Amino acid sequence: MQWLNEPAVWKQERDTLFVTSDAATDFWRITHCGEIHDNGHFYYQSVTGDFTAEATLKGDYHDLYDQSGLMVRLDEACWLKCGVEYVDGERHVSAVVTREWSDWSMILLPGTDPVSIRVRRLGGSFEIYYAAGGNDYTMYRLAFLTEASPLMVGTMSASPTGKGFTAQFERFIVAKES
């Protein structure tokens, strides 16, 4: 695995990755604010074909828009990120799909830690799931992203408005679909 925008502080212990996000980091393109941000932290591997990726997340979210989760990326203008985001003093599951312009959807997160996130690619379509507090997975987004291959797939975190926070990613896996 390799970094896009390696954070100043991170470590890996067995199957757990700990990342302290740097201040003023994000992935976002144009929509709403007209700005482009491409300096969030992304620890990834290259994947071809259809796959399922998942990880279990914990985080010390405390500033507006603190976020951690999974990312699938072709390039700076074609990517998706999904996971947990801190908005209005509460955790939400969120998803941003970017095809030149970013969109954003979120749902108030029921339950407690940990939160598991799953992304399943089938051709150009991507299914996004969450499971909170050990519950079963629930799909919360289906989107077209790209049929291109290979893609970069991995964990991401960012602190758009804050000074940084520590996110924990347990058991990140990518399984090829047959």
Foldseek 3Di string as FASTA:
>chain_A
DDKDQAAPDWDDDVQKIKDWWAEQADQFACPPPHDGGDRWIWDWDWDWDWKKKKWKKDWPDDDAFWDKAKKKADDSQFIKGWDWTAHPNAIWTKMWGGNNHIDIDTDGDPAADTKMWMWTDDQQKIWIWIDHPPHDIDTDDIDGTHRDDTIIIGMITHHNHDRTIMMMIGRIDMGHDD
